Amino acid sequence: MSGGNQQKIVLAKWLAINPELLILDEPTRGIDVGTKYEIYKLIDAFVASGRAVLLVSSELPEILALSDRILVMRDGALVGEFSHDEASEGAILELAAQRANTTESMEVA
């Protein structure tokens, strides 16, 4: 069975128990475009039924397509939040890649 079909079966098993929340970590990594689209439809239908999804993904197009709210983390800390309408690849990348402002202490001789 292909990776995409395996992924769809795992998602279908979780959907079958009728959860209120799904936590999906890289749900479409390594699968073909057609299967990604099918998984996106399942996620959209789940959310349309009034339930929630916490999506963790390194694919910005996926995040932008599926998310109502986007939280950006860097080095284990929350560094920003966007609504679906505010979000863009550039804004997300800027926050994710920014270096933390640090003040180096100087030695006085």
N, C-alpha and C. Protein backbone atom coordinates (compact mmCIF):
# COMPACT_ATOMS: atom_id res chain seq x y z
N MET A 1 0.85 -1.17 0.00
CA MET A 1 0.00 0.00 0.00
C MET A 1 0.90 1.25 0.00
N SER A 2 0.55 2.23 -0.78
CA SER A 2 1.36 3.45 -0.88
C SER A 2 1.31 4.24 0.42
N GLY A 3 2.29 5.12 0.58
CA GLY A 3 2.33 5.97 1.77
C GLY A 3 1.09 6.83 1.90
N GLY A 4 0.61 7.33 0.76
CA GLY A 4 -0.60 8.16 0.79
C GLY A 4 -1.82 7.40 1.25
N ASN A 5 -1.95 6.16 0.77
CA ASN A 5 -3.09 5.34 1.20
C ASN A 5 -2.97 4.97 2.67
N GLN A 6 -1.75 4.70 3.12
CA GLN A 6 -1.55 4.42 4.54
C GLN A 6 -1.94 5.63 5.38
N GLN A 7 -1.55 6.81 4.91
CA GLN A 7 -1.88 8.04 5.64
C GLN A 7 -3.39 8.25 5.71
N LYS A 8 -4.10 7.99 4.61
CA LYS A 8 -5.55 8.15 4.59
C LYS A 8 -6.22 7.16 5.54
N ILE A 9 -5.71 5.94 5.62
CA ILE A 9 -6.28 4.93 6.52
C ILE A 9 -6.10 5.35 7.98
N VAL A 10 -4.91 5.84 8.31
CA VAL A 10 -4.67 6.30 9.69
C VAL A 10 -5.62 7.44 10.04
N LEU A 11 -5.77 8.40 9.13
CA LEU A 11 -6.67 9.53 9.38
C LEU A 11 -8.12 9.04 9.49
N ALA A 12 -8.53 8.11 8.64
CA ALA A 12 -9.90 7.57 8.69
C ALA A 12 -10.17 6.87 10.02
N LYS A 13 -9.18 6.15 10.55
CA LYS A 13 -9.35 5.49 11.85
C LYS A 13 -9.61 6.51 12.95
N TRP A 14 -8.86 7.60 12.93
CA TRP A 14 -9.06 8.63 13.94
C TRP A 14 -10.40 9.32 13.76
N LEU A 15 -10.79 9.57 12.52
CA LEU A 15 -12.08 10.22 12.27
C LEU A 15 -13.24 9.32 12.69
N ALA A 16 -13.06 8.01 12.60
CA ALA A 16 -14.12 7.06 12.93
C ALA A 16 -14.51 7.09 14.41
N ILE A 17 -13.61 7.53 15.27
CA ILE A 17 -13.95 7.59 16.70
C ILE A 17 -14.63 8.90 17.06
N ASN A 18 -14.83 9.77 16.07
CA ASN A 18 -15.58 11.02 16.23
C ASN A 18 -14.99 11.94 17.32
N PRO A 19 -13.70 12.28 17.22
CA PRO A 19 -13.09 13.15 18.23
C PRO A 19 -13.53 14.60 18.07
N GLU A 20 -13.38 15.37 19.11
CA GLU A 20 -13.65 16.81 19.05
C GLU A 20 -12.43 17.57 18.54
N LEU A 21 -11.25 16.98 18.71
CA LEU A 21 -9.99 17.62 18.32
C LEU A 21 -9.07 16.60 17.69
N LEU A 22 -8.46 16.98 16.57
CA LEU A 22 -7.41 16.17 15.95
C LEU A 22 -6.11 16.96 16.02
N ILE A 23 -5.05 16.32 16.43
CA ILE A 23 -3.73 16.93 16.39
C ILE A 23 -2.98 16.23 15.26
N LEU A 24 -2.67 16.98 14.21
CA LEU A 24 -2.04 16.42 13.02
C LEU A 24 -0.64 17.00 12.86
N ASP A 25 0.36 16.15 12.91
CA ASP A 25 1.75 16.56 12.78
C ASP A 25 2.26 16.09 11.42
N GLU A 26 2.50 17.05 10.53
CA GLU A 26 2.96 16.76 9.16
C GLU A 26 2.06 15.72 8.48
N PRO A 27 0.76 15.99 8.37
CA PRO A 27 -0.18 14.98 7.88
C PRO A 27 0.00 14.59 6.41
N THR A 28 0.70 15.41 5.63
CA THR A 28 0.85 15.08 4.21
C THR A 28 2.31 14.95 3.77
N ARG A 29 3.20 14.82 4.71
CA ARG A 29 4.62 14.69 4.35
C ARG A 29 4.86 13.43 3.54
N GLY A 30 5.51 13.60 2.40
CA GLY A 30 5.93 12.47 1.59
C GLY A 30 4.86 11.82 0.73
N ILE A 31 3.71 12.48 0.55
CA ILE A 31 2.67 11.88 -0.28
C ILE A 31 2.42 12.74 -1.51
N ASP A 32 1.80 12.14 -2.51
CA ASP A 32 1.59 12.82 -3.78
C ASP A 32 0.51 13.90 -3.68
N VAL A 33 0.50 14.79 -4.66
CA VAL A 33 -0.40 15.94 -4.66
C VAL A 33 -1.87 15.53 -4.61
N GLY A 34 -2.25 14.51 -5.35
CA GLY A 34 -3.65 14.06 -5.36
C GLY A 34 -4.11 13.59 -4.00
N THR A 35 -3.26 12.84 -3.32
CA THR A 35 -3.60 12.34 -1.99
C THR A 35 -3.64 13.49 -0.99
N LYS A 36 -2.72 14.46 -1.15
CA LYS A 36 -2.77 15.64 -0.28
C LYS A 36 -4.13 16.32 -0.37
N TYR A 37 -4.61 16.48 -1.59
CA TYR A 37 -5.90 17.13 -1.81
C TYR A 37 -7.02 16.36 -1.10
N GLU A 38 -6.99 15.03 -1.18
CA GLU A 38 -8.01 14.22 -0.52
C GLU A 38 -7.94 14.38 1.01
N ILE A 39 -6.74 14.42 1.55
CA ILE A 39 -6.58 14.61 3.00
C ILE A 39 -7.05 16.01 3.38
N TYR A 40 -6.76 17.01 2.57
CA TYR A 40 -7.23 18.37 2.84
C TYR A 40 -8.76 18.42 2.88
N LYS A 41 -9.41 17.69 1.98
CA LYS A 41 -10.88 17.66 1.98
C LYS A 41 -11.41 17.02 3.26
N LEU A 42 -10.77 15.97 3.73
CA LEU A 42 -11.18 15.32 4.99
C LEU A 42 -11.02 16.29 6.17
N ILE A 43 -9.91 17.01 6.19
CA ILE A 43 -9.68 17.97 7.28
C ILE A 43 -10.72 19.07 7.22
N ASP A 44 -10.98 19.61 6.03
CA ASP A 44 -11.99 20.67 5.88
C ASP A 44 -13.37 20.20 6.34
N ALA A 45 -13.75 18.97 5.97
CA ALA A 45 -15.06 18.44 6.37
C ALA A 45 -15.14 18.27 7.88
N PHE A 46 -14.06 17.83 8.49
CA PHE A 46 -14.00 17.66 9.94
C PHE A 46 -14.23 19.00 10.63
N VAL A 47 -13.52 20.04 10.18
CA VAL A 47 -13.66 21.37 10.76
C VAL A 47 -15.05 21.95 10.49
N ALA A 48 -15.58 21.72 9.29
CA ALA A 48 -16.91 22.23 8.94
C ALA A 48 -17.99 21.63 9.84
N SER A 49 -17.71 20.47 10.42
CA SER A 49 -18.70 19.84 11.31
C SER A 49 -18.61 20.38 12.74
N GLY A 50 -17.80 21.43 12.94
CA GLY A 50 -17.74 22.09 14.25
C GLY A 50 -16.65 21.59 15.16
N ARG A 51 -15.76 20.77 14.65
CA ARG A 51 -14.67 20.26 15.47
C ARG A 51 -13.37 20.99 15.12
N ALA A 52 -12.31 20.73 15.86
CA ALA A 52 -11.08 21.50 15.72
C ALA A 52 -9.90 20.62 15.30
N VAL A 53 -8.95 21.27 14.62
CA VAL A 53 -7.71 20.61 14.23
C VAL A 53 -6.55 21.49 14.67
N LEU A 54 -5.57 20.88 15.31
CA LEU A 54 -4.30 21.52 15.59
C LEU A 54 -3.33 20.94 14.57
N LEU A 55 -2.90 21.77 13.64
CA LEU A 55 -2.06 21.33 12.54
C LEU A 55 -0.64 21.81 12.75
N VAL A 56 0.30 20.87 12.74
CA VAL A 56 1.72 21.18 12.81
C VAL A 56 2.29 20.80 11.45
N SER A 57 2.88 21.79 10.76
CA SER A 57 3.38 21.51 9.43
C SER A 57 4.55 22.42 9.10
N SER A 58 5.49 21.90 8.35
CA SER A 58 6.60 22.70 7.86
C SER A 58 6.31 23.22 6.45
N GLU A 59 5.16 22.88 5.89
CA GLU A 59 4.79 23.30 4.55
C GLU A 59 3.89 24.54 4.63
N LEU A 60 4.45 25.70 4.31
CA LEU A 60 3.68 26.94 4.42
C LEU A 60 2.42 26.95 3.56
N PRO A 61 2.44 26.47 2.32
CA PRO A 61 1.19 26.46 1.56
C PRO A 61 0.09 25.67 2.25
N GLU A 62 0.46 24.58 2.89
CA GLU A 62 -0.50 23.76 3.64
C GLU A 62 -1.06 24.55 4.82
N ILE A 63 -0.20 25.20 5.56
CA ILE A 63 -0.64 26.00 6.71
C ILE A 63 -1.58 27.11 6.25
N LEU A 64 -1.19 27.82 5.20
CA LEU A 64 -2.00 28.94 4.71
C LEU A 64 -3.35 28.46 4.18
N ALA A 65 -3.40 27.29 3.58
CA ALA A 65 -4.64 26.78 3.00
C ALA A 65 -5.61 26.25 4.06
N LEU A 66 -5.10 25.68 5.13
CA LEU A 66 -5.96 24.98 6.08
C LEU A 66 -6.23 25.71 7.38
N SER A 67 -5.50 26.77 7.67
CA SER A 67 -5.57 27.37 9.00
C SER A 67 -6.45 28.60 9.07
N ASP A 68 -7.20 28.68 10.17
CA ASP A 68 -7.95 29.89 10.50
C ASP A 68 -7.08 30.83 11.32
N ARG A 69 -6.19 30.24 12.12
CA ARG A 69 -5.29 31.01 12.96
C ARG A 69 -3.93 30.33 12.91
N ILE A 70 -2.87 31.10 12.78
CA ILE A 70 -1.52 30.57 12.65
C ILE A 70 -0.66 31.12 13.77
N LEU A 71 -0.07 30.23 14.52
CA LEU A 71 0.87 30.60 15.57
C LEU A 71 2.27 30.25 15.09
N VAL A 72 3.20 31.18 15.24
CA VAL A 72 4.57 30.98 14.78
C VAL A 72 5.45 30.82 16.01
N MET A 73 6.25 29.74 15.99
CA MET A 73 7.17 29.49 17.10
C MET A 73 8.60 29.50 16.58
N ARG A 74 9.49 29.95 17.46
CA ARG A 74 10.92 29.92 17.15
C ARG A 74 11.65 29.58 18.44
N ASP A 75 12.54 28.63 18.38
CA ASP A 75 13.33 28.21 19.54
C ASP A 75 12.44 27.86 20.73
N GLY A 76 11.31 27.22 20.46
CA GLY A 76 10.42 26.76 21.52
C GLY A 76 9.53 27.82 22.13
N ALA A 77 9.53 29.03 21.56
CA ALA A 77 8.71 30.10 22.11
C ALA A 77 7.78 30.65 21.05
N LEU A 78 6.60 31.06 21.48
CA LEU A 78 5.64 31.69 20.58
C LEU A 78 6.15 33.09 20.24
N VAL A 79 6.27 33.39 18.93
CA VAL A 79 6.79 34.69 18.52
C VAL A 79 5.79 35.49 17.69
N GLY A 80 4.65 34.90 17.36
CA GLY A 80 3.67 35.65 16.60
C GLY A 80 2.41 34.86 16.32
N GLU A 81 1.37 35.61 15.94
CA GLU A 81 0.08 35.01 15.63
C GLU A 81 -0.55 35.79 14.49
N PHE A 82 -1.17 35.07 13.56
CA PHE A 82 -1.86 35.67 12.43
C PHE A 82 -3.24 35.06 12.28
N SER A 83 -4.20 35.85 11.85
CA SER A 83 -5.47 35.28 11.40
C SER A 83 -5.24 34.80 9.97
N HIS A 84 -6.17 34.02 9.46
CA HIS A 84 -6.05 33.52 8.09
C HIS A 84 -5.87 34.68 7.10
N ASP A 85 -6.65 35.74 7.30
CA ASP A 85 -6.61 36.87 6.37
C ASP A 85 -5.33 37.69 6.46
N GLU A 86 -4.69 37.71 7.61
CA GLU A 86 -3.45 38.48 7.80
C GLU A 86 -2.21 37.74 7.33
N ALA A 87 -2.27 36.43 7.28
CA ALA A 87 -1.08 35.61 7.07
C ALA A 87 -0.59 35.64 5.64
N SER A 88 0.73 35.61 5.52
CA SER A 88 1.38 35.45 4.22
C SER A 88 2.66 34.66 4.44
N GLU A 89 3.16 34.04 3.38
CA GLU A 89 4.41 33.28 3.52
C GLU A 89 5.53 34.18 4.02
N GLY A 90 5.62 35.38 3.45
CA GLY A 90 6.69 36.30 3.85
C GLY A 90 6.63 36.68 5.31
N ALA A 91 5.44 37.01 5.81
CA ALA A 91 5.30 37.42 7.21
C ALA A 91 5.62 36.26 8.16
N ILE A 92 5.19 35.07 7.82
CA ILE A 92 5.46 33.90 8.66
C ILE A 92 6.96 33.61 8.67
N LEU A 93 7.57 33.60 7.49
CA LEU A 93 9.01 33.32 7.41
C LEU A 93 9.83 34.36 8.16
N GLU A 94 9.42 35.61 8.07
CA GLU A 94 10.15 36.67 8.76
C GLU A 94 10.17 36.43 10.26
N LEU A 95 9.01 36.10 10.83
CA LEU A 95 8.95 35.83 12.27
C LEU A 95 9.73 34.57 12.64
N ALA A 96 9.59 33.54 11.84
CA ALA A 96 10.24 32.26 12.16
C ALA A 96 11.76 32.36 12.07
N ALA A 97 12.27 33.22 11.20
CA ALA A 97 13.71 33.30 10.97
C ALA A 97 14.41 34.41 11.73
N GLN A 98 13.65 35.32 12.33
CA GLN A 98 14.26 36.44 13.06
C GLN A 98 15.13 35.93 14.18
N ARG A 99 16.24 36.60 14.35
CA ARG A 99 17.08 36.27 15.50
C ARG A 99 16.54 37.00 16.72
N ALA A 100 16.59 36.33 17.83
CA ALA A 100 16.15 36.97 19.07
C ALA A 100 17.09 38.12 19.39
N ASN A 101 16.54 39.21 19.85
CA ASN A 101 17.38 40.34 20.25
C ASN A 101 18.06 40.00 21.56
N THR A 102 19.36 39.96 21.52
CA THR A 102 20.11 39.68 22.73
C THR A 102 21.09 40.81 22.98
N THR A 103 21.29 41.11 24.22
CA THR A 103 22.24 42.13 24.61
C THR A 103 23.42 41.41 25.22
N GLU A 104 24.57 41.57 24.61
CA GLU A 104 25.76 40.95 25.15
C GLU A 104 26.34 41.83 26.23
N SER A 105 26.69 41.21 27.33
CA SER A 105 27.29 41.99 28.41
C SER A 105 28.74 42.29 28.05
N MET A 106 29.16 43.47 28.36
CA MET A 106 30.52 43.89 28.07
C MET A 106 31.33 43.90 29.35
N GLU A 107 32.55 43.44 29.25
CA GLU A 107 33.44 43.46 30.42
C GLU A 107 34.08 44.83 30.53
N VAL A 108 34.13 45.32 31.73
CA VAL A 108 34.79 46.59 31.98
C VAL A 108 36.16 46.29 32.57
N ALA A 109 37.21 46.86 31.95
CA ALA A 109 38.57 46.59 32.43
C ALA A 109 38.99 47.56 33.49
